[in-house]
C-alpha atoms as a PDB file:
ATOM      1  CA  UNK A   1      94.623 -19.549   8.784  1.00  0.00           C
ATOM      2  CA  UNK A   2      95.054 -17.904  12.174  1.00  0.00           C
ATOM      3  CA  UNK A   3      92.852 -15.025  13.212  1.00  0.00           C
ATOM      4  CA  UNK A   4      95.861 -12.735  13.426  1.00  0.00           C
ATOM      5  CA  UNK A   5      96.634 -13.385   9.715  1.00  0.00           C
ATOM      6  CA  UNK A   6      93.409 -11.727   8.697  1.00  0.00           C
ATOM      7  CA  UNK A   7      93.835  -8.098   7.641  1.00  0.00           C
ATOM      8  CA  UNK A   8      91.966  -5.176   9.162  1.00  0.00           C
ATOM      9  CA  UNK A   9      90.393  -4.492   5.758  1.00  0.00           C
ATOM     10  CA  UNK A  10      88.966  -8.018   5.478  1.00  0.00           C
ATOM     11  CA  UNK A  11      87.702  -7.915   9.036  1.00  0.00           C
ATOM     12  CA  UNK A  12      86.153  -4.542   8.338  1.00  0.00           C
ATOM     13  CA  UNK A  13      84.249  -5.992   5.385  1.00  0.00           C
ATOM     14  CA  UNK A  14      83.003  -8.890   7.525  1.00  0.00           C
ATOM     15  CA  UNK A  15      81.726  -6.477  10.178  1.00  0.00           C
ATOM     16  CA  UNK A  16      80.034  -4.207   7.707  1.00  0.00           C
ATOM     17  CA  UNK A  17      78.340  -6.882   5.552  1.00  0.00           C
ATOM     18  CA  UNK A  18      77.284  -8.962   8.619  1.00  0.00           C
ATOM     19  CA  UNK A  19      75.812  -6.002  10.454  1.00  0.00           C
ATOM     20  CA  UNK A  20      73.735  -4.939   7.464  1.00  0.00           C
ATOM     21  CA  UNK A  21      72.410  -8.472   7.013  1.00  0.00           C
ATOM     22  CA  UNK A  22      71.732  -8.760  10.686  1.00  0.00           C
ATOM     23  CA  UNK A  23      69.620  -5.617  10.886  1.00  0.00           C
ATOM     24  CA  UNK A  24      67.364  -6.991   8.177  1.00  0.00           C
ATOM     25  CA  UNK A  25      67.135 -10.487   9.644  1.00  0.00           C
ATOM     26  CA  UNK A  26      66.644  -9.231  13.218  1.00  0.00           C
ATOM     27  CA  UNK A  27      63.653  -7.154  12.124  1.00  0.00           C
ATOM     28  CA  UNK A  28      62.284 -10.111  10.170  1.00  0.00           C
ATOM     29  CA  UNK A  29      62.514 -12.643  13.009  1.00  0.00           C
ATOM     30  CA  UNK A  30      61.573 -10.305  15.927  1.00  0.00           C
ATOM     31  CA  UNK A  31      58.792  -8.325  14.417  1.00  0.00           C
ATOM     32  CA  UNK A  32      57.279 -10.698  11.895  1.00  0.00           C
ATOM     33  CA  UNK A  33      57.788 -14.065  13.628  1.00  0.00           C
ATOM     34  CA  UNK A  34      58.695 -14.197  17.322  1.00  0.00           C
ATOM     35  CA  UNK A  35      56.576 -11.247  18.375  1.00  0.00           C
ATOM     36  CA  UNK A  36      53.497 -13.224  17.303  1.00  0.00           C
ATOM     37  CA  UNK A  37      54.555 -16.461  18.955  1.00  0.00           C
ATOM     38  CA  UNK A  38      55.998 -15.515  22.331  1.00  0.00           C
ATOM     39  CA  UNK A  39      53.564 -14.319  24.988  1.00  0.00           C
ATOM     40  CA  UNK A  40      55.571 -13.348  28.135  1.00  0.00           C
ATOM     41  CA  UNK A  41      54.265 -15.103  31.255  1.00  0.00           C
ATOM     42  CA  UNK A  42      51.894 -17.393  29.355  1.00  0.00           C
ATOM     43  CA  UNK A  43      53.661 -20.730  28.818  1.00  0.00           C
ATOM     44  CA  UNK A  44      50.482 -22.532  27.822  1.00  0.00           C
ATOM     45  CA  UNK A  45      49.800 -19.987  25.088  1.00  0.00           C
ATOM     46  CA  UNK A  46      53.460 -20.299  23.928  1.00  0.00           C
ATOM     47  CA  UNK A  47      53.327 -24.060  23.572  1.00  0.00           C
ATOM     48  CA  UNK A  48      50.017 -23.824  21.770  1.00  0.00           C
ATOM     49  CA  UNK A  49      51.300 -21.182  19.355  1.00  0.00           C
ATOM     50  CA  UNK A  50      54.435 -23.239  18.573  1.00  0.00           C
ATOM     51  CA  UNK A  51      52.400 -26.321  17.883  1.00  0.00           C
ATOM     52  CA  UNK A  52      49.985 -24.360  15.752  1.00  0.00           C
ATOM     53  CA  UNK A  53      52.718 -22.576  13.823  1.00  0.00           C
ATOM     54  CA  UNK A  54      55.495 -25.144  13.750  1.00  0.00           C
ATOM     55  CA  UNK A  55      56.760 -24.168  10.284  1.00  0.00           C
ATOM     56  CA  UNK A  56      56.828 -20.495  11.160  1.00  0.00           C
ATOM     57  CA  UNK A  57      58.550 -21.151  14.462  1.00  0.00           C
ATOM     58  CA  UNK A  58      61.154 -23.390  12.703  1.00  0.00           C
ATOM     59  CA  UNK A  59      61.882 -20.536  10.231  1.00  0.00           C
ATOM     60  CA  UNK A  60      62.278 -18.142  13.154  1.00  0.00           C
ATOM     61  CA  UNK A  61      64.769 -20.452  14.894  1.00  0.00           C
ATOM     62  CA  UNK A  62      66.721 -20.947  11.705  1.00  0.00           C
ATOM     63  CA  UNK A  63      66.997 -17.205  11.047  1.00  0.00           C
ATOM     64  CA  UNK A  64      67.927 -16.492  14.653  1.00  0.00           C
ATOM     65  CA  UNK A  65      70.785 -19.083  14.442  1.00  0.00           C
ATOM     66  CA  UNK A  66      72.003 -17.349  11.324  1.00  0.00           C
ATOM     67  CA  UNK A  67      71.934 -14.032  13.221  1.00  0.00           C
ATOM     68  CA  UNK A  68      73.918 -15.561  16.131  1.00  0.00           C
ATOM     69  CA  UNK A  69      76.421 -17.066  13.683  1.00  0.00           C
ATOM     70  CA  UNK A  70      76.882 -13.617  12.208  1.00  0.00           C
ATOM     71  CA  UNK A  71      77.321 -12.253  15.800  1.00  0.00           C
ATOM     72  CA  UNK A  72      80.190 -14.654  16.338  1.00  0.00           C
ATOM     73  CA  UNK A  73      81.884 -13.533  13.164  1.00  0.00           C
ATOM     74  CA  UNK A  74      81.381  -9.841  14.051  1.00  0.00           C
ATOM     75  CA  UNK A  75      82.944 -10.411  17.460  1.00  0.00           C
ATOM     76  CA  UNK A  76      86.111 -11.941  16.023  1.00  0.00           C
ATOM     77  CA  UNK A  77      86.291  -9.392  13.209  1.00  0.00           C
ATOM     78  CA  UNK A  78      85.954  -6.468  15.626  1.00  0.00           C
ATOM     79  CA  UNK A  79      88.854  -7.871  17.619  1.00  0.00           C
ATOM     80  CA  UNK A  80      91.050  -7.721  14.462  1.00  0.00           C
ATOM     81  CA  UNK A  81      89.890  -4.216  13.585  1.00  0.00           C
ATOM     82  CA  UNK A  82      90.379  -2.773  17.057  1.00  0.00           C
ATOM     83  CA  UNK A  83      93.493  -4.768  18.212  1.00  0.00           C
ATOM     84  CA  UNK A  84      96.063  -2.319  16.819  1.00  0.00           C
ATOM     85  CA  UNK A  85      94.650   0.448  18.994  1.00  0.00           C
ATOM     86  CA  UNK A  86      94.304  -1.482  22.294  1.00  0.00           C
ATOM     87  CA  UNK A  87      94.515  -5.273  22.402  1.00  0.00           C
ATOM     88  CA  UNK A  88      92.894  -5.585  25.823  1.00  0.00           C
ATOM     89  CA  UNK A  89      89.902  -3.460  24.916  1.00  0.00           C
ATOM     90  CA  UNK A  90      89.512  -5.291  21.601  1.00  0.00           C
ATOM     91  CA  UNK A  91      89.590  -8.662  23.461  1.00  0.00           C
ATOM     92  CA  UNK A  92      86.997  -7.420  26.027  1.00  0.00           C
ATOM     93  CA  UNK A  93      84.783  -6.148  23.176  1.00  0.00           C
ATOM     94  CA  UNK A  94      84.893  -9.550  21.486  1.00  0.00           C
ATOM     95  CA  UNK A  95      84.405 -11.606  24.626  1.00  0.00           C
ATOM     96  CA  UNK A  96      81.323  -9.682  25.752  1.00  0.00           C
ATOM     97  CA  UNK A  97      79.695 -10.179  22.375  1.00  0.00           C
ATOM     98  CA  UNK A  98      80.670 -13.911  22.347  1.00  0.00           C
ATOM     99  CA  UNK A  99      79.153 -14.404  25.874  1.00  0.00           C
ATOM    100  CA  UNK A 100      76.004 -12.653  24.750  1.00  0.00           C
ATOM    101  CA  UNK A 101      75.894 -14.926  21.664  1.00  0.00           C
ATOM    102  CA  UNK A 102      76.391 -18.115  23.725  1.00  0.00           C
ATOM    103  CA  UNK A 103      73.581 -17.113  26.129  1.00  0.00           C
ATOM    104  CA  UNK A 104      71.183 -16.408  23.274  1.00  0.00           C
ATOM    105  CA  UNK A 105      72.009 -19.780  21.612  1.00  0.00           C
ATOM    106  CA  UNK A 106      71.372 -21.624  24.922  1.00  0.00           C
ATOM    107  CA  UNK A 107      67.996 -20.006  25.588  1.00  0.00           C
ATOM    108  CA  UNK A 108      66.923 -20.443  21.969  1.00  0.00           C
ATOM    109  CA  UNK A 109      67.617 -24.172  22.115  1.00  0.00           C
ATOM    110  CA  UNK A 110      65.972 -24.370  25.511  1.00  0.00           C
ATOM    111  CA  UNK A 111      62.882 -22.697  24.052  1.00  0.00           C
ATOM    112  CA  UNK A 112      62.866 -25.089  21.107  1.00  0.00           C
ATOM    113  CA  UNK A 113      63.002 -28.121  23.417  1.00  0.00           C
ATOM    114  CA  UNK A 114      60.571 -26.474  25.880  1.00  0.00           C
ATOM    115  CA  UNK A 115      63.035 -26.552  28.784  1.00  0.00           C
ATOM    116  CA  UNK A 116      61.965 -23.022  29.667  1.00  0.00           C
ATOM    117  CA  UNK A 117      58.638 -21.167  29.546  1.00  0.00           C
ATOM    118  CA  UNK A 118      57.918 -17.834  27.890  1.00  0.00           C
ATOM    119  CA  UNK A 119      58.477 -15.861  31.082  1.00  0.00           C
ATOM    120  CA  UNK A 120      61.870 -17.510  31.704  1.00  0.00           C
ATOM    121  CA  UNK A 121      62.801 -16.863  28.043  1.00  0.00           C
ATOM    122  CA  UNK A 122      62.211 -13.143  28.505  1.00  0.00           C
ATOM    123  CA  UNK A 123      64.111 -13.029  31.819  1.00  0.00           C
ATOM    124  CA  UNK A 124      67.232 -14.902  30.621  1.00  0.00           C
ATOM    125  CA  UNK A 125      67.196 -12.881  27.373  1.00  0.00           C
ATOM    126  CA  UNK A 126      67.600  -9.734  29.492  1.00  0.00           C
ATOM    127  CA  UNK A 127      70.758 -11.305  31.011  1.00  0.00           C
ATOM    128  CA  UNK A 128      72.098 -11.819  27.561  1.00  0.00           C
ATOM    129  CA  UNK A 129      71.282  -8.236  26.606  1.00  0.00           C
ATOM    130  CA  UNK A 130      73.216  -7.025  29.680  1.00  0.00           C
ATOM    131  CA  UNK A 131      76.381  -8.519  28.166  1.00  0.00           C
ATOM    132  CA  UNK A 132      75.480  -7.026  24.766  1.00  0.00           C
ATOM    133  CA  UNK A 133      74.923  -3.602  26.288  1.00  0.00           C
ATOM    134  CA  UNK A 134      78.348  -3.823  27.992  1.00  0.00           C
ATOM    135  CA  UNK A 135      79.825  -4.871  24.706  1.00  0.00           C
ATOM    136  CA  UNK A 136      78.333  -1.891  22.917  1.00  0.00           C
ATOM    137  CA  UNK A 137      79.753   0.534  25.455  1.00  0.00           C
ATOM    138  CA  UNK A 138      83.193  -0.940  25.358  1.00  0.00           C
ATOM    139  CA  UNK A 139      83.065  -1.037  21.537  1.00  0.00           C
ATOM    140  CA  UNK A 140      82.127   2.659  21.489  1.00  0.00           C
ATOM    141  CA  UNK A 141      84.986   3.509  23.842  1.00  0.00           C
ATOM    142  CA  UNK A 142      87.393   1.414  21.782  1.00  0.00           C
ATOM    143  CA  UNK A 143      86.282   3.150  18.579  1.00  0.00           C
ATOM    144  CA  UNK A 144      86.572   6.563  20.266  1.00  0.00           C
ATOM    145  CA  UNK A 145      90.188   5.778  21.362  1.00  0.00           C
ATOM    146  CA  UNK A 146      91.291   4.021  18.178  1.00  0.00           C
ATOM    147  CA  UNK A 147      92.529   7.033  16.328  1.00  0.00           C
ATOM    148  CA  UNK A 148      91.657   5.629  12.828  1.00  0.00           C
ATOM    149  CA  UNK A 149      87.865   5.411  13.196  1.00  0.00           C
ATOM    150  CA  UNK A 150      85.811   8.586  13.583  1.00  0.00           C
ATOM    151  CA  UNK A 151      85.302   9.468  17.223  1.00  0.00           C
ATOM    152  CA  UNK A 152      81.702  10.405  16.501  1.00  0.00           C
ATOM    153  CA  UNK A 153      80.911   6.754  15.784  1.00  0.00           C
ATOM    154  CA  UNK A 154      82.306   5.787  19.154  1.00  0.00           C
ATOM    155  CA  UNK A 155      80.139   8.403  20.891  1.00  0.00           C
ATOM    156  CA  UNK A 156      77.100   7.189  18.926  1.00  0.00           C
ATOM    157  CA  UNK A 157      77.752   3.604  20.053  1.00  0.00           C
ATOM    158  CA  UNK A 158      78.104   4.595  23.705  1.00  0.00           C
ATOM    159  CA  UNK A 159      74.824   6.492  23.430  1.00  0.00           C
ATOM    160  CA  UNK A 160      73.261   3.384  21.833  1.00  0.00           C
ATOM    161  CA  UNK A 161      74.380   1.316  24.877  1.00  0.00           C
ATOM    162  CA  UNK A 162      72.531   3.832  27.114  1.00  0.00           C
ATOM    163  CA  UNK A 163      69.474   3.458  24.881  1.00  0.00           C
ATOM    164  CA  UNK A 164      69.611  -0.343  25.364  1.00  0.00           C
ATOM    165  CA  UNK A 165      69.466   0.194  29.125  1.00  0.00           C
ATOM    166  CA  UNK A 166      66.456   2.534  28.847  1.00  0.00           C
ATOM    167  CA  UNK A 167      64.664   0.321  26.298  1.00  0.00           C
ATOM    168  CA  UNK A 168      65.083  -3.084  27.982  1.00  0.00           C
ATOM    169  CA  UNK A 169      65.608  -2.337  31.680  1.00  0.00           C
ATOM    170  CA  UNK A 170      63.913   1.001  32.450  1.00  0.00           C
ATOM    171  CA  UNK A 171      61.179   0.999  29.803  1.00  0.00           C
ATOM    172  CA  UNK A 172      58.563   1.553  32.492  1.00  0.00           C
ATOM    173  CA  UNK A 173      59.999   5.058  32.990  1.00  0.00           C
ATOM    174  CA  UNK A 174      60.033   5.997  29.365  1.00  0.00           C
ATOM    175  CA  UNK A 175      57.080   7.152  27.177  1.00  0.00           C
ATOM    176  CA  UNK A 176      56.374   4.789  24.275  1.00  0.00           C
ATOM    177  CA  UNK A 177      57.277   7.445  21.638  1.00  0.00           C
ATOM    178  CA  UNK A 178      60.696   7.884  23.297  1.00  0.00           C
ATOM    179  CA  UNK A 179      61.223   4.157  23.337  1.00  0.00           C
ATOM    180  CA  UNK A 180      60.855   4.190  19.545  1.00  0.00           C
ATOM    181  CA  UNK A 181      63.552   6.832  19.281  1.00  0.00           C
ATOM    182  CA  UNK A 182      65.821   4.778  21.471  1.00  0.00           C
ATOM    183  CA  UNK A 183      65.287   1.771  19.237  1.00  0.00           C
ATOM    184  CA  UNK A 184      66.208   3.818  16.172  1.00  0.00           C
ATOM    185  CA  UNK A 185      69.413   5.125  17.836  1.00  0.00           C
ATOM    186  CA  UNK A 186      70.285   1.546  18.727  1.00  0.00           C
ATOM    187  CA  UNK A 187      70.008   0.394  15.133  1.00  0.00           C
ATOM    188  CA  UNK A 188      71.785   3.476  13.698  1.00  0.00           C
ATOM    189  CA  UNK A 189      74.663   3.085  16.196  1.00  0.00           C
ATOM    190  CA  UNK A 190      75.855  -0.340  15.001  1.00  0.00           C
ATOM    191  CA  UNK A 191      74.739   0.110  11.427  1.00  0.00           C
ATOM    192  CA  UNK A 192      76.703   3.375  11.051  1.00  0.00           C
ATOM    193  CA  UNK A 193      79.871   1.637  12.229  1.00  0.00           C
ATOM    194  CA  UNK A 194      79.233  -1.242   9.815  1.00  0.00           C
ATOM    195  CA  UNK A 195      78.709   1.017   6.840  1.00  0.00           C
ATOM    196  CA  UNK A 196      81.811   3.137   7.655  1.00  0.00           C
ATOM    197  CA  UNK A 197      83.956  -0.009   7.964  1.00  0.00           C
ATOM    198  CA  UNK A 198      82.631  -1.409   4.713  1.00  0.00           C
ATOM    199  CA  UNK A 199      83.334   1.856   2.876  1.00  0.00           C
ATOM    200  CA  UNK A 200      86.779   2.271   4.450  1.00  0.00           C
ATOM    201  CA  UNK A 201      87.890  -1.400   4.298  1.00  0.00           C
ATOM    202  CA  UNK A 202      90.435  -0.718   1.524  1.00  0.00           C
ATOM    203  CA  UNK A 203      92.079   2.050   3.584  1.00  0.00           C
ATOM    204  CA  UNK A 204      92.302  -0.230   6.531  1.00  0.00           C
ATOM    205  CA  UNK A 205      93.867  -2.943   4.355  1.00  0.00           C
ATOM    206  CA  UNK A 206      96.523  -0.494   3.201  1.00  0.00           C
ATOM    207  CA  UNK A 207      97.097   0.562   6.800  1.00  0.00           C
ATOM    208  CA  UNK A 208      97.685  -3.124   7.709  1.00  0.00           C
ATOM    209  CA  UNK A 209     100.149  -3.507   4.844  1.00  0.00           C
ATOM    210  CA  UNK A 210     102.124  -0.372   5.773  1.00  0.00           C
ATOM    211  CA  UNK A 211     102.377  -1.570   9.379  1.00  0.00           C
ATOM    212  CA  UNK A 212     104.033  -4.748   8.228  1.00  0.00           C
END
């Protein structure tokens, strides 16, 4: 089956379900696993923690690979959902997320095989997040211009992209309490789109059928 043969409704369901699963898994792996294993700037501590908690680290890597697999599916599904509105914007949205995913897979594997230290992991991860931030802004703009997805969701996604910049690149300028608010907005931005697409998948399927 070619990607163009998949209906908008099916793609919408993929985005919705995958995003909901990702939010749960991302919290699990970042807050409950990796946050206790990765000490920025302390490579010796990282190696020691991984050796001491090999099983926990292995679970974290496995979960992260699941997340990145879901990211790939979301990128392709978003292209299908947004293509009728603007094919070029839909393609750019998908490509930015796929580049982000590829970078994250590379640094994750490099971390597993100890090709990079903890400091390098954090630095390269920020490069990956730059592509994701760009993806989020383009996604928001694409949603805003689509005409069949609420414009408010597009605005929320563009605001979420700004929050990513503040949380990951300008955090030294932001009070800790405000950082928490930014993180909440980031989660709500994507999750709101996912839930809306999941609820409206049937309507989008009917739209695809009528266009044929």
